[in-house]
Amino acid sequence: MKIRVTVMLKEGVLDPQGKAIGHALQSLGFEKVHNVRVGKVVEFEMPHAEGIQREKAIQQAETMTRELLANMVIEDFSIEVVS
């Protein structure tokens, strides 16, 4: 089972990387691009062979994300089962 975790800065948190990319895109002629935000995507697999069920896998992914992958003070995250 493949899990995808997407981590993004919370609304209202300054995103200097997103701002720089947005500015660069506009200078390349993409004037209609606004509010660029940069995040990260982490994918990992949890083998079915270990008997991990979908809900348990999501719970484990949430625990891993809260403990390591995201800074809960400034970031939000979403989890999806990809396959």
N, C-alpha and C. Protein backbone atom coordinates (compact mmCIF):
# COMPACT_ATOMS: atom_id res chain seq x y z
N MET A 1 0.85 -1.17 0.00
CA MET A 1 0.00 0.00 0.00
C MET A 1 0.90 1.23 0.00
N LYS A 2 0.68 2.13 -0.97
CA LYS A 2 1.48 3.35 -1.07
C LYS A 2 0.71 4.50 -0.43
N ILE A 3 1.41 5.23 0.44
CA ILE A 3 0.84 6.37 1.16
C ILE A 3 1.53 7.63 0.67
N ARG A 4 0.76 8.69 0.45
CA ARG A 4 1.32 9.99 0.06
C ARG A 4 0.92 11.02 1.12
N VAL A 5 1.92 11.68 1.68
CA VAL A 5 1.71 12.74 2.66
C VAL A 5 2.12 14.06 2.01
N THR A 6 1.21 15.03 2.02
CA THR A 6 1.50 16.36 1.49
C THR A 6 1.53 17.33 2.66
N VAL A 7 2.63 18.06 2.79
CA VAL A 7 2.82 19.01 3.88
C VAL A 7 2.94 20.41 3.28
N MET A 8 2.12 21.33 3.78
CA MET A 8 2.12 22.72 3.29
C MET A 8 2.13 23.67 4.49
N LEU A 9 2.71 24.85 4.28
CA LEU A 9 2.65 25.87 5.31
C LEU A 9 1.19 26.28 5.53
N LYS A 10 0.86 26.57 6.76
CA LYS A 10 -0.49 27.02 7.08
C LYS A 10 -0.76 28.37 6.44
N GLU A 11 -2.03 28.63 6.17
CA GLU A 11 -2.41 29.94 5.66
C GLU A 11 -1.95 31.00 6.66
N GLY A 12 -1.43 32.09 6.15
CA GLY A 12 -0.97 33.17 7.01
C GLY A 12 0.50 33.08 7.38
N VAL A 13 1.12 31.92 7.17
CA VAL A 13 2.54 31.78 7.44
C VAL A 13 3.29 32.22 6.18
N LEU A 14 4.25 33.11 6.36
CA LEU A 14 5.02 33.62 5.22
C LEU A 14 5.73 32.47 4.51
N ASP A 15 5.71 32.52 3.17
CA ASP A 15 6.34 31.49 2.36
C ASP A 15 7.32 32.17 1.40
N PRO A 16 8.55 32.46 1.86
CA PRO A 16 9.49 33.17 1.01
C PRO A 16 9.85 32.40 -0.25
N GLN A 17 9.90 31.08 -0.17
CA GLN A 17 10.19 30.28 -1.36
C GLN A 17 9.08 30.42 -2.39
N GLY A 18 7.85 30.34 -1.94
CA GLY A 18 6.71 30.50 -2.84
C GLY A 18 6.69 31.89 -3.46
N LYS A 19 7.00 32.89 -2.63
CA LYS A 19 7.02 34.27 -3.14
C LYS A 19 8.09 34.43 -4.22
N ALA A 20 9.28 33.87 -4.00
CA ALA A 20 10.36 33.96 -4.98
C ALA A 20 9.99 33.25 -6.29
N ILE A 21 9.39 32.09 -6.18
CA ILE A 21 8.97 31.35 -7.38
C ILE A 21 7.88 32.12 -8.11
N GLY A 22 6.94 32.66 -7.38
CA GLY A 22 5.87 33.45 -7.98
C GLY A 22 6.43 34.64 -8.74
N HIS A 23 7.38 35.33 -8.12
CA HIS A 23 8.00 36.49 -8.76
C HIS A 23 8.74 36.07 -10.03
N ALA A 24 9.48 34.97 -9.95
CA ALA A 24 10.23 34.48 -11.11
C ALA A 24 9.28 34.09 -12.25
N LEU A 25 8.18 33.43 -11.92
CA LEU A 25 7.21 33.05 -12.95
C LEU A 25 6.62 34.29 -13.63
N GLN A 26 6.31 35.31 -12.82
CA GLN A 26 5.76 36.54 -13.41
C GLN A 26 6.79 37.21 -14.31
N SER A 27 8.06 37.20 -13.92
CA SER A 27 9.09 37.82 -14.75
C SER A 27 9.33 37.02 -16.04
N LEU A 28 8.92 35.76 -16.06
CA LEU A 28 9.02 34.94 -17.27
C LEU A 28 7.79 35.09 -18.17
N GLY A 29 6.87 35.95 -17.75
CA GLY A 29 5.71 36.21 -18.60
C GLY A 29 4.42 35.56 -18.13
N PHE A 30 4.45 34.89 -17.01
CA PHE A 30 3.23 34.26 -16.47
C PHE A 30 2.59 35.20 -15.46
N GLU A 31 2.07 36.34 -15.98
CA GLU A 31 1.58 37.41 -15.12
C GLU A 31 0.38 37.00 -14.26
N LYS A 32 -0.38 36.03 -14.70
CA LYS A 32 -1.61 35.67 -13.98
C LYS A 32 -1.36 34.73 -12.79
N VAL A 33 -0.12 34.34 -12.56
CA VAL A 33 0.22 33.46 -11.44
C VAL A 33 0.32 34.30 -10.16
N HIS A 34 -0.42 33.88 -9.14
CA HIS A 34 -0.42 34.58 -7.85
C HIS A 34 -0.49 33.56 -6.72
N ASN A 35 -0.12 33.98 -5.54
CA ASN A 35 -0.24 33.17 -4.32
C ASN A 35 0.41 31.80 -4.45
N VAL A 36 1.65 31.76 -4.90
CA VAL A 36 2.39 30.50 -5.02
C VAL A 36 2.80 30.04 -3.63
N ARG A 37 2.56 28.78 -3.33
CA ARG A 37 2.94 28.19 -2.06
C ARG A 37 3.80 26.97 -2.35
N VAL A 38 4.82 26.75 -1.55
CA VAL A 38 5.72 25.61 -1.73
C VAL A 38 5.54 24.67 -0.55
N GLY A 39 5.48 23.38 -0.85
CA GLY A 39 5.35 22.37 0.19
C GLY A 39 6.24 21.19 -0.12
N LYS A 40 5.92 20.07 0.51
CA LYS A 40 6.68 18.86 0.24
C LYS A 40 5.74 17.67 0.20
N VAL A 41 6.13 16.68 -0.59
CA VAL A 41 5.37 15.44 -0.71
C VAL A 41 6.29 14.30 -0.31
N VAL A 42 5.80 13.44 0.57
CA VAL A 42 6.55 12.26 1.00
C VAL A 42 5.71 11.04 0.67
N GLU A 43 6.29 10.10 -0.06
CA GLU A 43 5.59 8.84 -0.37
C GLU A 43 6.35 7.69 0.24
N PHE A 44 5.61 6.73 0.74
CA PHE A 44 6.24 5.51 1.27
C PHE A 44 5.27 4.36 1.13
N GLU A 45 5.80 3.15 1.22
CA GLU A 45 4.98 1.95 1.09
C GLU A 45 4.90 1.21 2.40
N MET A 46 3.74 0.65 2.64
CA MET A 46 3.50 -0.21 3.80
C MET A 46 2.98 -1.53 3.23
N PRO A 47 3.79 -2.58 3.26
CA PRO A 47 3.41 -3.82 2.59
C PRO A 47 2.15 -4.45 3.18
N HIS A 48 1.32 -4.96 2.28
CA HIS A 48 0.14 -5.70 2.72
C HIS A 48 0.51 -6.98 3.45
N ALA A 49 1.69 -7.50 3.15
CA ALA A 49 2.11 -8.78 3.73
C ALA A 49 2.13 -8.74 5.25
N GLU A 50 2.32 -7.55 5.81
CA GLU A 50 2.35 -7.44 7.26
C GLU A 50 0.95 -7.35 7.85
N GLY A 51 -0.06 -7.44 7.02
CA GLY A 51 -1.43 -7.41 7.51
C GLY A 51 -1.92 -6.03 7.90
N ILE A 52 -1.26 -4.98 7.41
CA ILE A 52 -1.68 -3.63 7.74
C ILE A 52 -2.91 -3.27 6.91
N GLN A 53 -3.97 -2.90 7.58
CA GLN A 53 -5.19 -2.52 6.89
C GLN A 53 -5.18 -1.03 6.62
N ARG A 54 -6.03 -0.61 5.71
CA ARG A 54 -6.06 0.78 5.23
C ARG A 54 -6.17 1.78 6.38
N GLU A 55 -7.12 1.63 7.26
CA GLU A 55 -7.31 2.60 8.35
C GLU A 55 -6.12 2.63 9.29
N LYS A 56 -5.56 1.47 9.57
CA LYS A 56 -4.39 1.41 10.45
C LYS A 56 -3.19 2.08 9.77
N ALA A 57 -3.04 1.87 8.46
CA ALA A 57 -1.95 2.50 7.73
C ALA A 57 -2.08 4.03 7.77
N ILE A 58 -3.30 4.52 7.61
CA ILE A 58 -3.52 5.97 7.67
C ILE A 58 -3.22 6.50 9.06
N GLN A 59 -3.62 5.77 10.08
CA GLN A 59 -3.32 6.19 11.46
C GLN A 59 -1.82 6.24 11.71
N GLN A 60 -1.10 5.22 11.22
CA GLN A 60 0.35 5.20 11.40
C GLN A 60 1.01 6.36 10.63
N ALA A 61 0.52 6.62 9.42
CA ALA A 61 1.06 7.72 8.62
C ALA A 61 0.82 9.05 9.33
N GLU A 62 -0.34 9.20 9.95
CA GLU A 62 -0.63 10.44 10.68
C GLU A 62 0.32 10.60 11.86
N THR A 63 0.57 9.52 12.57
CA THR A 63 1.50 9.57 13.70
C THR A 63 2.91 9.93 13.23
N MET A 64 3.36 9.29 12.15
CA MET A 64 4.69 9.59 11.60
C MET A 64 4.79 11.05 11.18
N THR A 65 3.72 11.55 10.58
CA THR A 65 3.73 12.94 10.10
C THR A 65 3.78 13.91 11.26
N ARG A 66 2.96 13.68 12.26
CA ARG A 66 2.94 14.57 13.43
C ARG A 66 4.27 14.54 14.19
N GLU A 67 4.93 13.37 14.23
CA GLU A 67 6.16 13.24 15.00
C GLU A 67 7.42 13.63 14.23
N LEU A 68 7.39 13.56 12.87
CA LEU A 68 8.62 13.78 12.13
C LEU A 68 8.47 14.65 10.88
N LEU A 69 7.46 14.39 10.08
CA LEU A 69 7.41 14.98 8.75
C LEU A 69 6.90 16.42 8.71
N ALA A 70 6.11 16.83 9.68
CA ALA A 70 5.54 18.18 9.66
C ALA A 70 5.80 18.89 10.98
N ASN A 71 5.98 20.20 10.87
CA ASN A 71 6.06 21.06 12.05
C ASN A 71 4.64 21.55 12.30
N MET A 72 3.97 20.98 13.27
CA MET A 72 2.56 21.23 13.49
C MET A 72 2.25 22.68 13.87
N VAL A 73 3.25 23.44 14.26
CA VAL A 73 3.03 24.84 14.60
C VAL A 73 2.77 25.67 13.34
N ILE A 74 3.50 25.36 12.26
CA ILE A 74 3.40 26.20 11.05
C ILE A 74 2.94 25.45 9.80
N GLU A 75 2.74 24.13 9.90
CA GLU A 75 2.39 23.35 8.71
C GLU A 75 1.11 22.54 8.92
N ASP A 76 0.37 22.35 7.83
CA ASP A 76 -0.76 21.43 7.77
C ASP A 76 -0.36 20.27 6.87
N PHE A 77 -1.10 19.18 6.94
CA PHE A 77 -0.79 18.05 6.09
C PHE A 77 -2.06 17.31 5.68
N SER A 78 -1.93 16.56 4.59
CA SER A 78 -3.00 15.65 4.18
C SER A 78 -2.38 14.31 3.84
N ILE A 79 -3.15 13.26 4.00
CA ILE A 79 -2.69 11.90 3.77
C ILE A 79 -3.64 11.23 2.80
N GLU A 80 -3.08 10.53 1.82
CA GLU A 80 -3.92 9.76 0.91
C GLU A 80 -3.28 8.43 0.62
N VAL A 81 -4.12 7.43 0.43
CA VAL A 81 -3.65 6.12 0.00
C VAL A 81 -3.66 6.15 -1.51
N VAL A 82 -2.48 5.98 -2.11
CA VAL A 82 -2.34 6.09 -3.56
C VAL A 82 -2.63 4.76 -4.24
N SER A 83 -2.16 3.68 -3.67
CA SER A 83 -2.43 2.36 -4.24
C SER A 83 -2.27 1.28 -3.19
